Amino acid sequence: MLDHSDAVSLVLFAVGLASTGTVLWVSSRRVDRKERERSQFMRMRSRLNQLMRERS
């Protein structure tokens, strides 16, 4: 059986673990979104460069 301090420690550990997991999840989603935006921008830029080369 857990005494009071063990239960508090377990709860604090679980809260810390959950918050760490949440931060990692949110940051990975943000990085993924930024990477998609960057690759889309690079595609648009290469298309624009190609069009400019074709015109000249």
PDB file of N, CA and C in Angstrom:
ATOM      1  N   MET A   1       0.844  -1.197   0.000  1.00  0.00           N
ATOM      2  CA  MET A   1       0.000   0.000   0.000  1.00  0.00           C
ATOM      3  C   MET A   1       0.877   1.245   0.000  1.00  0.00           C
ATOM      4  N   LEU A   2       0.481   2.250  -0.749  1.00  0.00           N
ATOM      5  CA  LEU A   2       1.248   3.496  -0.819  1.00  0.00           C
ATOM      6  C   LEU A   2       0.908   4.401   0.357  1.00  0.00           C
ATOM      7  N   ASP A   3       1.931   5.013   0.947  1.00  0.00           N
ATOM      8  CA  ASP A   3       1.613   6.034   1.944  1.00  0.00           C
ATOM      9  C   ASP A   3       1.440   7.369   1.220  1.00  0.00           C
ATOM     10  N   HIS A   4       1.119   8.412   1.972  1.00  0.00           N
ATOM     11  CA  HIS A   4       0.744   9.697   1.381  1.00  0.00           C
ATOM     12  C   HIS A   4       1.859  10.286   0.518  1.00  0.00           C
ATOM     13  N   SER A   5       3.099  10.295   1.003  1.00  0.00           N
ATOM     14  CA  SER A   5       4.198  10.912   0.247  1.00  0.00           C
ATOM     15  C   SER A   5       4.501  10.137  -1.032  1.00  0.00           C
ATOM     16  N   ASP A   6       4.352   8.810  -1.001  1.00  0.00           N
ATOM     17  CA  ASP A   6       4.551   8.023  -2.215  1.00  0.00           C
ATOM     18  C   ASP A   6       3.469   8.341  -3.247  1.00  0.00           C
ATOM     19  N   ALA A   7       2.241   8.503  -2.782  1.00  0.00           N
ATOM     20  CA  ALA A   7       1.145   8.814  -3.695  1.00  0.00           C
ATOM     21  C   ALA A   7       1.356  10.193  -4.327  1.00  0.00           C
ATOM     22  N   VAL A   8       1.778  11.165  -3.512  1.00  0.00           N
ATOM     23  CA  VAL A   8       2.034  12.514  -4.035  1.00  0.00           C
ATOM     24  C   VAL A   8       3.170  12.473  -5.047  1.00  0.00           C
ATOM     25  N   SER A   9       4.236  11.752  -4.733  1.00  0.00           N
ATOM     26  CA  SER A   9       5.367  11.635  -5.657  1.00  0.00           C
ATOM     27  C   SER A   9       4.936  10.984  -6.973  1.00  0.00           C
ATOM     28  N   LEU A  10       4.118   9.967  -6.881  1.00  0.00           N
ATOM     29  CA  LEU A  10       3.642   9.291  -8.086  1.00  0.00           C
ATOM     30  C   LEU A  10       2.787  10.220  -8.946  1.00  0.00           C
ATOM     31  N   VAL A  11       1.918  10.983  -8.287  1.00  0.00           N
ATOM     32  CA  VAL A  11       1.066  11.932  -9.018  1.00  0.00           C
ATOM     33  C   VAL A  11       1.925  13.006  -9.680  1.00  0.00           C
ATOM     34  N   LEU A  12       2.901  13.549  -8.947  1.00  0.00           N
ATOM     35  CA  LEU A  12       3.770  14.572  -9.529  1.00  0.00           C
ATOM     36  C   LEU A  12       4.585  14.022 -10.695  1.00  0.00           C
ATOM     37  N   PHE A  13       5.050  12.794 -10.563  1.00  0.00           N
ATOM     38  CA  PHE A  13       5.782  12.157 -11.652  1.00  0.00           C
ATOM     39  C   PHE A  13       4.884  12.013 -12.882  1.00  0.00           C
ATOM     40  N   ALA A  14       3.652  11.560 -12.676  1.00  0.00           N
ATOM     41  CA  ALA A  14       2.715  11.381 -13.786  1.00  0.00           C
ATOM     42  C   ALA A  14       2.405  12.716 -14.460  1.00  0.00           C
ATOM     43  N   VAL A  15       2.236  13.768 -13.659  1.00  0.00           N
ATOM     44  CA  VAL A  15       1.959  15.103 -14.222  1.00  0.00           C
ATOM     45  C   VAL A  15       3.166  15.579 -15.034  1.00  0.00           C
ATOM     46  N   GLY A  16       4.366  15.392 -14.497  1.00  0.00           N
ATOM     47  CA  GLY A  16       5.565  15.792 -15.222  1.00  0.00           C
ATOM     48  C   GLY A  16       5.740  15.023 -16.516  1.00  0.00           C
ATOM     49  N   LEU A  17       5.481  13.739 -16.465  1.00  0.00           N
ATOM     50  CA  LEU A  17       5.580  12.906 -17.660  1.00  0.00           C
ATOM     51  C   LEU A  17       4.563  13.346 -18.712  1.00  0.00           C
ATOM     52  N   ALA A  18       3.338  13.604 -18.271  1.00  0.00           N
ATOM     53  CA  ALA A  18       2.295  14.038 -19.207  1.00  0.00           C
ATOM     54  C   ALA A  18       2.635  15.395 -19.823  1.00  0.00           C
ATOM     55  N   SER A  19       3.145  16.326 -19.013  1.00  0.00           N
ATOM     56  CA  SER A  19       3.473  17.643 -19.556  1.00  0.00           C
ATOM     57  C   SER A  19       4.654  17.559 -20.510  1.00  0.00           C
ATOM     58  N   THR A  20       5.634  16.726 -20.194  1.00  0.00           N
ATOM     59  CA  THR A  20       6.769  16.542 -21.105  1.00  0.00           C
ATOM     60  C   THR A  20       6.303  15.943 -22.428  1.00  0.00           C
ATOM     61  N   GLY A  21       5.467  14.946 -22.349  1.00  0.00           N
ATOM     62  CA  GLY A  21       4.933  14.339 -23.568  1.00  0.00           C
ATOM     63  C   GLY A  21       4.143  15.333 -24.399  1.00  0.00           C
ATOM     64  N   THR A  22       3.351  16.182 -23.729  1.00  0.00           N
ATOM     65  CA  THR A  22       2.563  17.186 -24.435  1.00  0.00           C
ATOM     66  C   THR A  22       3.467  18.188 -25.141  1.00  0.00           C
ATOM     67  N   VAL A  23       4.507  18.650 -24.453  1.00  0.00           N
ATOM     68  CA  VAL A  23       5.439  19.607 -25.059  1.00  0.00           C
ATOM     69  C   VAL A  23       6.122  18.995 -26.274  1.00  0.00           C
ATOM     70  N   LEU A  24       6.566  17.747 -26.157  1.00  0.00           N
ATOM     71  CA  LEU A  24       7.217  17.086 -27.290  1.00  0.00           C
ATOM     72  C   LEU A  24       6.261  16.914 -28.464  1.00  0.00           C
ATOM     73  N   TRP A  25       5.019  16.558 -28.182  1.00  0.00           N
ATOM     74  CA  TRP A  25       4.020  16.364 -29.231  1.00  0.00           C
ATOM     75  C   TRP A  25       3.724  17.678 -29.950  1.00  0.00           C
ATOM     76  N   VAL A  26       3.501  18.754 -29.165  1.00  0.00           N
ATOM     77  CA  VAL A  26       3.186  20.057 -29.757  1.00  0.00           C
ATOM     78  C   VAL A  26       4.360  20.561 -30.585  1.00  0.00           C
ATOM     79  N   SER A  27       5.567  20.437 -30.061  1.00  0.00           N
ATOM     80  CA  SER A  27       6.722  20.942 -30.804  1.00  0.00           C
ATOM     81  C   SER A  27       6.974  20.132 -32.068  1.00  0.00           C
ATOM     82  N   SER A  28       6.760  18.824 -32.030  1.00  0.00           N
ATOM     83  CA  SER A  28       6.969  18.027 -33.246  1.00  0.00           C
ATOM     84  C   SER A  28       5.935  18.384 -34.310  1.00  0.00           C
ATOM     85  N   ARG A  29       4.705  18.650 -33.894  1.00  0.00           N
ATOM     86  CA  ARG A  29       3.686  19.084 -34.866  1.00  0.00           C
ATOM     87  C   ARG A  29       4.056  20.429 -35.473  1.00  0.00           C
ATOM     88  N   ARG A  30       4.555  21.326 -34.637  1.00  0.00           N
ATOM     89  CA  ARG A  30       4.942  22.654 -35.120  1.00  0.00           C
ATOM     90  C   ARG A  30       6.106  22.553 -36.103  1.00  0.00           C
ATOM     91  N   VAL A  31       7.100  21.738 -35.778  1.00  0.00           N
ATOM     92  CA  VAL A  31       8.243  21.546 -36.677  1.00  0.00           C
ATOM     93  C   VAL A  31       7.770  20.934 -37.990  1.00  0.00           C
ATOM     94  N   ASP A  32       6.882  19.953 -37.912  1.00  0.00           N
ATOM     95  CA  ASP A  32       6.360  19.311 -39.117  1.00  0.00           C
ATOM     96  C   ASP A  32       5.639  20.314 -40.007  1.00  0.00           C
ATOM     97  N   ARG A  33       4.815  21.166 -39.393  1.00  0.00           N
ATOM     98  CA  ARG A  33       4.082  22.173 -40.164  1.00  0.00           C
ATOM     99  C   ARG A  33       5.043  23.173 -40.816  1.00  0.00           C
ATOM    100  N   LYS A  34       6.036  23.621 -40.061  1.00  0.00           N
ATOM    101  CA  LYS A  34       7.012  24.566 -40.617  1.00  0.00           C
ATOM    102  C   LYS A  34       7.797  23.929 -41.758  1.00  0.00           C
ATOM    103  N   GLU A  35       8.133  22.665 -41.626  1.00  0.00           N
ATOM    104  CA  GLU A  35       8.871  21.969 -42.677  1.00  0.00           C
ATOM    105  C   GLU A  35       8.019  21.840 -43.939  1.00  0.00           C
ATOM    106  N   ARG A  36       6.732  21.548 -43.777  1.00  0.00           N
ATOM    107  CA  ARG A  36       5.838  21.488 -44.941  1.00  0.00           C
ATOM    108  C   ARG A  36       5.733  22.850 -45.617  1.00  0.00           C
ATOM    109  N   GLU A  37       5.597  23.921 -44.801  1.00  0.00           N
ATOM    110  CA  GLU A  37       5.515  25.268 -45.371  1.00  0.00           C
ATOM    111  C   GLU A  37       6.797  25.614 -46.119  1.00  0.00           C
ATOM    112  N   ARG A  38       7.946  25.247 -45.549  1.00  0.00           N
ATOM    113  CA  ARG A  38       9.221  25.557 -46.183  1.00  0.00           C
ATOM    114  C   ARG A  38       9.372  24.813 -47.508  1.00  0.00           C
ATOM    115  N   SER A  39       8.987  23.528 -47.541  1.00  0.00           N
ATOM    116  CA  SER A  39       9.121  22.777 -48.790  1.00  0.00           C
ATOM    117  C   SER A  39       8.157  23.317 -49.850  1.00  0.00           C
ATOM    118  N   GLN A  40       6.967  23.743 -49.421  1.00  0.00           N
ATOM    119  CA  GLN A  40       6.023  24.332 -50.371  1.00  0.00           C
ATOM    120  C   GLN A  40       6.586  25.640 -50.931  1.00  0.00           C
ATOM    121  N   PHE A  41       7.178  26.446 -50.058  1.00  0.00           N
ATOM    122  CA  PHE A  41       7.792  27.697 -50.494  1.00  0.00           C
ATOM    123  C   PHE A  41       8.925  27.434 -51.489  1.00  0.00           C
ATOM    124  N   MET A  42       9.747  26.415 -51.200  1.00  0.00           N
ATOM    125  CA  MET A  42      10.859  26.103 -52.095  1.00  0.00           C
ATOM    126  C   MET A  42      10.352  25.615 -53.458  1.00  0.00           C
ATOM    127  N   ARG A  43       9.269  24.850 -53.467  1.00  0.00           N
ATOM    128  CA  ARG A  43       8.687  24.418 -54.744  1.00  0.00           C
ATOM    129  C   ARG A  43       8.183  25.613 -55.546  1.00  0.00           C
ATOM    130  N   MET A  44       7.487  26.529 -54.863  1.00  0.00           N
ATOM    131  CA  MET A  44       6.976  27.714 -55.553  1.00  0.00           C
ATOM    132  C   MET A  44       8.130  28.558 -56.090  1.00  0.00           C
ATOM    133  N   ARG A  45       9.184  28.672 -55.305  1.00  0.00           N
ATOM    134  CA  ARG A  45      10.338  29.464 -55.733  1.00  0.00           C
ATOM    135  C   ARG A  45      11.031  28.838 -56.939  1.00  0.00           C
ATOM    136  N   SER A  46      11.154  27.511 -56.934  1.00  0.00           N
ATOM    137  CA  SER A  46      11.801  26.868 -58.087  1.00  0.00           C
ATOM    138  C   SER A  46      10.927  26.996 -59.339  1.00  0.00           C
ATOM    139  N   ARG A  47       9.608  26.912 -59.169  1.00  0.00           N
ATOM    140  CA  ARG A  47       8.727  27.120 -60.325  1.00  0.00           C
ATOM    141  C   ARG A  47       8.870  28.533 -60.872  1.00  0.00           C
ATOM    142  N   LEU A  48       8.922  29.497 -59.976  1.00  0.00           N
ATOM    143  CA  LEU A  48       9.073  30.887 -60.399  1.00  0.00           C
ATOM    144  C   LEU A  48      10.403  31.080 -61.122  1.00  0.00           C
ATOM    145  N   ASN A  49      11.467  30.498 -60.588  1.00  0.00           N
ATOM    146  CA  ASN A  49      12.772  30.598 -61.257  1.00  0.00           C
ATOM    147  C   ASN A  49      12.729  29.959 -62.640  1.00  0.00           C
ATOM    148  N   GLN A  50      12.042  28.829 -62.739  1.00  0.00           N
ATOM    149  CA  GLN A  50      11.931  28.156 -64.027  1.00  0.00           C
ATOM    150  C   GLN A  50      11.176  29.031 -65.029  1.00  0.00           C
ATOM    151  N   LEU A  51      10.075  29.638 -64.593  1.00  0.00           N
ATOM    152  CA  LEU A  51       9.319  30.528 -65.474  1.00  0.00           C
ATOM    153  C   LEU A  51      10.163  31.715 -65.915  1.00  0.00           C
ATOM    154  N   MET A  52      10.949  32.269 -65.003  1.00  0.00           N
ATOM    155  CA  MET A  52      11.791  33.429 -65.348  1.00  0.00           C
ATOM    156  C   MET A  52      12.866  33.021 -66.357  1.00  0.00           C
ATOM    157  N   ARG A  53      13.427  31.811 -66.206  1.00  0.00           N
ATOM    158  CA  ARG A  53      14.427  31.349 -67.165  1.00  0.00           C
ATOM    159  C   ARG A  53      13.800  31.127 -68.543  1.00  0.00           C
ATOM    160  N   GLU A  54      12.576  30.601 -68.573  1.00  0.00           N
ATOM    161  CA  GLU A  54      11.915  30.349 -69.852  1.00  0.00           C
ATOM    162  C   GLU A  54      11.600  31.645 -70.581  1.00  0.00           C
ATOM    163  N   ARG A  55      11.296  32.700 -69.844  1.00  0.00           N
ATOM    164  CA  ARG A  55      10.961  33.980 -70.481  1.00  0.00           C
ATOM    165  C   ARG A  55      12.175  34.682 -71.054  1.00  0.00           C
ATOM    166  N   SER A  56      13.319  34.517 -70.424  1.00  0.00           N
ATOM    167  CA  SER A  56      14.506  35.278 -70.872  1.00  0.00           C
ATOM    168  C   SER A  56      15.230  34.615 -72.028  1.00  0.00           C
TER     169      SER A  56
END
